[in-house]
Amino acid sequence: MEHIPNILRTRDLAILLDMSPDAVNDLARKGIVKGYKSGNQWRFRRKDIEKFLDREAKYPASQA
């Protein structure tokens, strides 16, 4: 994950997670992905995204 910048914008994270920017914003609003607002834009710290990805790898969403 060395190529990932320390701070990601919503669009960057959406590409990384292969989902829409709206879905990423929804995850941030719900607190599923830790982020912070810079003005009216969400920003995400690399270390928080790494923790999220580790958590998802250990406990993936239900596959029902």
C-alpha atoms as a PDB file:
ATOM      1  CA  MET A   1       0.000   0.000   0.000  1.00  0.00           C
ATOM      2  CA  GLU A   2       2.995   2.286  -0.382  1.00  0.00           C
ATOM      3  CA  HIS A   3       1.474   3.988  -3.431  1.00  0.00           C
ATOM      4  CA  ILE A   4      -1.530   5.253  -1.454  1.00  0.00           C
ATOM      5  CA  PRO A   5      -1.210   8.893  -0.334  1.00  0.00           C
ATOM      6  CA  ASN A   6      -1.543   9.737   3.372  1.00  0.00           C
ATOM      7  CA  ILE A   7      -4.776  11.658   2.766  1.00  0.00           C
ATOM      8  CA  LEU A   8      -7.385  10.445   0.280  1.00  0.00           C
ATOM      9  CA  ARG A   9     -10.322  12.279  -1.206  1.00  0.00           C
ATOM     10  CA  THR A  10     -13.681  10.578  -1.647  1.00  0.00           C
ATOM     11  CA  ARG A  11     -13.030   9.897  -5.321  1.00  0.00           C
ATOM     12  CA  ASP A  12      -9.622   8.339  -4.583  1.00  0.00           C
ATOM     13  CA  LEU A  13     -11.108   6.039  -1.972  1.00  0.00           C
ATOM     14  CA  ALA A  14     -14.005   5.125  -4.243  1.00  0.00           C
ATOM     15  CA  ILE A  15     -11.544   3.959  -6.896  1.00  0.00           C
ATOM     16  CA  LEU A  16      -9.533   2.023  -4.314  1.00  0.00           C
ATOM     17  CA  LEU A  17     -12.638   0.292  -2.920  1.00  0.00           C
ATOM     18  CA  ASP A  18     -14.316  -0.114  -6.332  1.00  0.00           C
ATOM     19  CA  MET A  19     -17.490   1.686  -5.331  1.00  0.00           C
ATOM     20  CA  SER A  20     -19.188   4.948  -6.123  1.00  0.00           C
ATOM     21  CA  PRO A  21     -18.181   8.189  -4.396  1.00  0.00           C
ATOM     22  CA  ASP A  22     -21.737   8.416  -3.026  1.00  0.00           C
ATOM     23  CA  ALA A  23     -21.342   4.986  -1.411  1.00  0.00           C
ATOM     24  CA  VAL A  24     -18.042   6.068   0.173  1.00  0.00           C
ATOM     25  CA  ASN A  25     -19.671   9.234   1.543  1.00  0.00           C
ATOM     26  CA  ASP A  26     -22.519   7.127   2.929  1.00  0.00           C
ATOM     27  CA  LEU A  27     -20.032   4.823   4.711  1.00  0.00           C
ATOM     28  CA  ALA A  28     -18.309   7.883   6.176  1.00  0.00           C
ATOM     29  CA  ARG A  29     -21.598   9.434   7.346  1.00  0.00           C
ATOM     30  CA  LYS A  30     -22.539   6.133   9.038  1.00  0.00           C
ATOM     31  CA  GLY A  31     -19.114   5.895  10.694  1.00  0.00           C
ATOM     32  CA  ILE A  32     -18.227   2.636   8.949  1.00  0.00           C
ATOM     33  CA  VAL A  33     -15.194   4.282   7.352  1.00  0.00           C
ATOM     34  CA  LYS A  34     -13.445   6.833   9.536  1.00  0.00           C
ATOM     35  CA  GLY A  35     -13.083  10.179   7.828  1.00  0.00           C
ATOM     36  CA  TYR A  36     -13.271  13.888   8.478  1.00  0.00           C
ATOM     37  CA  LYS A  37     -14.776  16.861   6.708  1.00  0.00           C
ATOM     38  CA  SER A  38     -12.601  19.514   5.098  1.00  0.00           C
ATOM     39  CA  GLY A  39     -15.121  22.167   4.205  1.00  0.00           C
ATOM     40  CA  ASN A  40     -17.901  20.157   2.615  1.00  0.00           C
ATOM     41  CA  GLN A  41     -15.603  17.396   1.326  1.00  0.00           C
ATOM     42  CA  TRP A  42     -14.750  14.137   3.070  1.00  0.00           C
ATOM     43  CA  ARG A  43     -11.095  13.245   3.592  1.00  0.00           C
ATOM     44  CA  PHE A  44      -9.709   9.914   4.734  1.00  0.00           C
ATOM     45  CA  ARG A  45      -6.395   9.114   6.440  1.00  0.00           C
ATOM     46  CA  ARG A  46      -4.391   6.257   4.986  1.00  0.00           C
ATOM     47  CA  LYS A  47      -3.940   4.581   8.379  1.00  0.00           C
ATOM     48  CA  ASP A  48      -7.710   4.613   8.956  1.00  0.00           C
ATOM     49  CA  ILE A  49      -8.335   3.057   5.545  1.00  0.00           C
ATOM     50  CA  GLU A  50      -5.727   0.372   6.220  1.00  0.00           C
ATOM     51  CA  LYS A  51      -7.513  -0.467   9.495  1.00  0.00           C
ATOM     52  CA  PHE A  52     -10.852  -0.570   7.666  1.00  0.00           C
ATOM     53  CA  LEU A  53      -9.452  -2.928   5.017  1.00  0.00           C
ATOM     54  CA  ASP A  54      -7.921  -5.187   7.681  1.00  0.00           C
ATOM     55  CA  ARG A  55     -11.243  -5.293   9.534  1.00  0.00           C
ATOM     56  CA  GLU A  56     -13.123  -6.094   6.321  1.00  0.00           C
ATOM     57  CA  ALA A  57     -10.670  -8.886   5.498  1.00  0.00           C
ATOM     58  CA  LYS A  58     -11.203 -10.471   8.931  1.00  0.00           C
ATOM     59  CA  TYR A  59     -14.955  -9.909   9.142  1.00  0.00           C
ATOM     60  CA  PRO A  60     -16.392  -9.495   5.638  1.00  0.00           C
ATOM     61  CA  ALA A  61     -19.958  -8.256   5.257  1.00  0.00           C
ATOM     62  CA  SER A  62     -22.534 -11.023   5.231  1.00  0.00           C
ATOM     63  CA  GLN A  63     -22.671 -12.808   1.926  1.00  0.00           C
ATOM     64  CA  ALA A  64     -26.400 -13.631   2.071  1.00  0.00           C
END
